[in-house]
């Protein structure tokens, strides 16, 4: 899925749609918080995957300059 998020981030960055990238980042942060709160399940794989996607999204936002 990381390749998919790379394509999505690239598209939003090319269109200059920082807001869409920020919404993706917010979504990933909510997912990460939820996964971290689940103690009864092994969420390590899903957590790692979402952290990787968050890094890709933040790199896309960084292309616009200014604060993340």
N, C-alpha and C. Protein backbone atom coordinates (compact mmCIF):
# COMPACT_ATOMS: atom_id res chain seq x y z
N UNK A 1 0.81 -1.20 0.00
CA UNK A 1 0.00 0.00 0.00
C UNK A 1 0.85 1.26 0.00
N UNK A 2 2.07 1.17 0.47
CA UNK A 2 2.92 2.36 0.49
C UNK A 2 3.10 2.95 -0.90
N UNK A 3 3.17 2.10 -1.90
CA UNK A 3 3.29 2.61 -3.27
C UNK A 3 2.04 3.40 -3.64
N UNK A 4 0.89 2.91 -3.21
CA UNK A 4 -0.36 3.62 -3.49
C UNK A 4 -0.36 5.00 -2.84
N UNK A 5 0.07 5.07 -1.59
CA UNK A 5 0.08 6.36 -0.90
C UNK A 5 1.11 7.29 -1.53
N UNK A 6 2.21 6.73 -2.04
CA UNK A 6 3.19 7.56 -2.74
C UNK A 6 2.57 8.22 -3.98
N UNK A 7 1.79 7.47 -4.72
CA UNK A 7 1.14 8.00 -5.93
C UNK A 7 0.11 9.07 -5.54
N UNK A 8 -0.66 8.80 -4.50
CA UNK A 8 -1.65 9.77 -4.04
C UNK A 8 -0.98 11.05 -3.58
N UNK A 9 0.06 10.93 -2.77
CA UNK A 9 0.77 12.10 -2.27
C UNK A 9 1.38 12.88 -3.42
N UNK A 10 1.98 12.18 -4.36
CA UNK A 10 2.58 12.85 -5.52
C UNK A 10 1.52 13.64 -6.30
N UNK A 11 0.36 13.04 -6.49
CA UNK A 11 -0.72 13.73 -7.20
C UNK A 11 -1.17 14.99 -6.49
N UNK A 12 -1.40 14.88 -5.19
CA UNK A 12 -1.82 16.05 -4.42
C UNK A 12 -0.73 17.12 -4.43
N UNK A 13 0.51 16.73 -4.32
CA UNK A 13 1.61 17.70 -4.31
C UNK A 13 1.70 18.41 -5.66
N UNK A 14 1.56 17.66 -6.74
CA UNK A 14 1.62 18.28 -8.08
C UNK A 14 0.47 19.25 -8.29
N UNK A 15 -0.70 18.94 -7.70
CA UNK A 15 -1.85 19.83 -7.84
C UNK A 15 -1.80 20.99 -6.85
N UNK A 16 -0.83 20.96 -5.95
CA UNK A 16 -0.71 22.01 -4.95
C UNK A 16 -1.78 21.93 -3.87
N UNK A 17 -2.26 20.72 -3.62
CA UNK A 17 -3.35 20.54 -2.66
C UNK A 17 -2.81 20.14 -1.29
N UNK A 18 -2.25 21.12 -0.60
CA UNK A 18 -1.69 20.87 0.74
C UNK A 18 -2.79 20.45 1.72
N UNK A 19 -3.96 21.03 1.57
CA UNK A 19 -5.06 20.71 2.49
C UNK A 19 -5.40 19.21 2.45
N UNK A 20 -5.45 18.64 1.25
CA UNK A 20 -5.75 17.21 1.13
C UNK A 20 -4.66 16.38 1.81
N UNK A 21 -3.41 16.80 1.68
CA UNK A 21 -2.33 16.09 2.34
C UNK A 21 -2.44 16.20 3.86
N UNK A 22 -2.81 17.37 4.34
CA UNK A 22 -2.99 17.55 5.78
C UNK A 22 -4.14 16.70 6.30
N UNK A 23 -5.19 16.54 5.50
CA UNK A 23 -6.30 15.68 5.90
C UNK A 23 -5.87 14.21 5.94
N UNK A 24 -5.04 13.80 4.97
CA UNK A 24 -4.50 12.44 4.99
C UNK A 24 -3.65 12.23 6.24
N UNK A 25 -2.85 13.23 6.57
CA UNK A 25 -2.00 13.13 7.76
C UNK A 25 -2.85 13.00 9.02
N UNK A 26 -3.89 13.80 9.12
CA UNK A 26 -4.78 13.71 10.27
C UNK A 26 -5.41 12.34 10.36
N UNK A 27 -5.86 11.82 9.23
CA UNK A 27 -6.46 10.49 9.19
C UNK A 27 -5.48 9.43 9.67
N UNK A 28 -4.24 9.47 9.20
CA UNK A 28 -3.25 8.50 9.62
C UNK A 28 -2.95 8.61 11.11
N UNK A 29 -2.91 9.83 11.62
CA UNK A 29 -2.65 10.02 13.05
C UNK A 29 -3.78 9.42 13.90
N UNK A 30 -5.01 9.57 13.45
CA UNK A 30 -6.15 8.98 14.17
C UNK A 30 -6.02 7.45 14.16
N UNK A 31 -5.69 6.90 13.01
CA UNK A 31 -5.53 5.45 12.90
C UNK A 31 -4.41 4.97 13.82
N UNK A 32 -3.29 5.68 13.81
CA UNK A 32 -2.15 5.31 14.66
C UNK A 32 -2.53 5.38 16.13
N UNK A 33 -3.22 6.44 16.53
CA UNK A 33 -3.65 6.56 17.93
C UNK A 33 -4.57 5.41 18.33
N UNK A 34 -5.48 5.07 17.42
CA UNK A 34 -6.40 3.97 17.69
C UNK A 34 -5.66 2.65 17.82
N UNK A 35 -4.74 2.39 16.91
CA UNK A 35 -3.97 1.15 16.96
C UNK A 35 -3.14 1.06 18.24
N UNK A 36 -2.58 2.18 18.66
CA UNK A 36 -1.76 2.18 19.87
C UNK A 36 -2.61 1.95 21.12
N UNK A 37 -3.87 2.29 21.05
CA UNK A 37 -4.74 2.12 22.22
C UNK A 37 -5.27 0.70 22.36
N UNK A 38 -5.16 -0.10 21.32
CA UNK A 38 -5.66 -1.47 21.37
C UNK A 38 -4.63 -2.36 22.05
N UNK A 39 -4.95 -2.86 23.20
CA UNK A 39 -4.01 -3.67 23.96
C UNK A 39 -4.27 -5.17 23.80
N UNK A 40 -5.46 -5.54 23.35
CA UNK A 40 -5.82 -6.95 23.26
C UNK A 40 -5.40 -7.61 21.96
N UNK A 41 -4.89 -6.82 21.03
CA UNK A 41 -4.53 -7.33 19.72
C UNK A 41 -3.09 -6.96 19.37
N UNK A 42 -2.49 -7.77 18.52
CA UNK A 42 -1.16 -7.43 18.00
C UNK A 42 -1.36 -6.52 16.78
N UNK A 43 -1.13 -5.26 16.98
CA UNK A 43 -1.32 -4.27 15.92
C UNK A 43 0.01 -3.79 15.35
N UNK A 44 1.09 -4.47 15.68
CA UNK A 44 2.42 -3.98 15.30
C UNK A 44 2.59 -3.84 13.79
N UNK A 45 2.09 -4.77 13.03
CA UNK A 45 2.23 -4.70 11.57
C UNK A 45 1.43 -3.52 11.00
N UNK A 46 0.19 -3.39 11.43
CA UNK A 46 -0.65 -2.28 10.96
C UNK A 46 -0.08 -0.94 11.42
N UNK A 47 0.41 -0.91 12.64
CA UNK A 47 1.00 0.32 13.17
C UNK A 47 2.23 0.72 12.36
N UNK A 48 3.10 -0.23 12.10
CA UNK A 48 4.30 0.04 11.31
C UNK A 48 3.92 0.56 9.91
N UNK A 49 2.95 -0.08 9.30
CA UNK A 49 2.50 0.31 7.96
C UNK A 49 1.98 1.76 7.96
N UNK A 50 1.16 2.10 8.94
CA UNK A 50 0.60 3.44 9.00
C UNK A 50 1.65 4.48 9.35
N UNK A 51 2.64 4.13 10.16
CA UNK A 51 3.74 5.05 10.43
C UNK A 51 4.56 5.32 9.18
N UNK A 52 4.76 4.30 8.35
CA UNK A 52 5.47 4.48 7.09
C UNK A 52 4.68 5.41 6.17
N UNK A 53 3.37 5.20 6.11
CA UNK A 53 2.55 6.07 5.27
C UNK A 53 2.54 7.50 5.79
N UNK A 54 2.52 7.66 7.10
CA UNK A 54 2.56 9.00 7.69
C UNK A 54 3.85 9.72 7.29
N UNK A 55 4.96 9.01 7.28
CA UNK A 55 6.24 9.61 6.88
C UNK A 55 6.19 10.06 5.42
N UNK A 56 5.57 9.28 4.56
CA UNK A 56 5.44 9.64 3.14
C UNK A 56 4.57 10.88 2.99
N UNK A 57 3.47 10.92 3.73
CA UNK A 57 2.57 12.07 3.68
C UNK A 57 3.27 13.32 4.18
N UNK A 58 4.00 13.20 5.29
CA UNK A 58 4.71 14.37 5.83
C UNK A 58 5.80 14.85 4.88
N UNK A 59 6.43 13.95 4.16
CA UNK A 59 7.42 14.36 3.16
C UNK A 59 6.74 15.15 2.04
N UNK A 60 5.54 14.75 1.68
CA UNK A 60 4.78 15.48 0.67
C UNK A 60 4.41 16.87 1.14
N UNK A 61 4.00 16.98 2.39
CA UNK A 61 3.66 18.29 2.95
C UNK A 61 4.89 19.18 3.03
N UNK A 62 6.03 18.60 3.36
CA UNK A 62 7.28 19.35 3.47
C UNK A 62 7.67 20.00 2.14
N UNK A 63 7.22 19.44 1.05
CA UNK A 63 7.52 20.03 -0.27
C UNK A 63 6.92 21.42 -0.42
N UNK A 64 5.90 21.74 0.37
CA UNK A 64 5.28 23.04 0.29
C UNK A 64 6.02 24.07 1.12
N UNK A 65 6.95 23.63 1.97
CA UNK A 65 7.67 24.55 2.85
C UNK A 65 6.79 24.92 4.03
N UNK A 66 7.34 25.65 4.93
CA UNK A 66 6.59 26.04 6.12
C UNK A 66 6.52 24.93 7.13
N UNK A 67 5.81 25.19 8.22
CA UNK A 67 5.73 24.19 9.30
C UNK A 67 4.87 22.99 8.90
N UNK A 68 5.24 21.83 9.45
CA UNK A 68 4.44 20.63 9.24
C UNK A 68 3.31 20.71 10.23
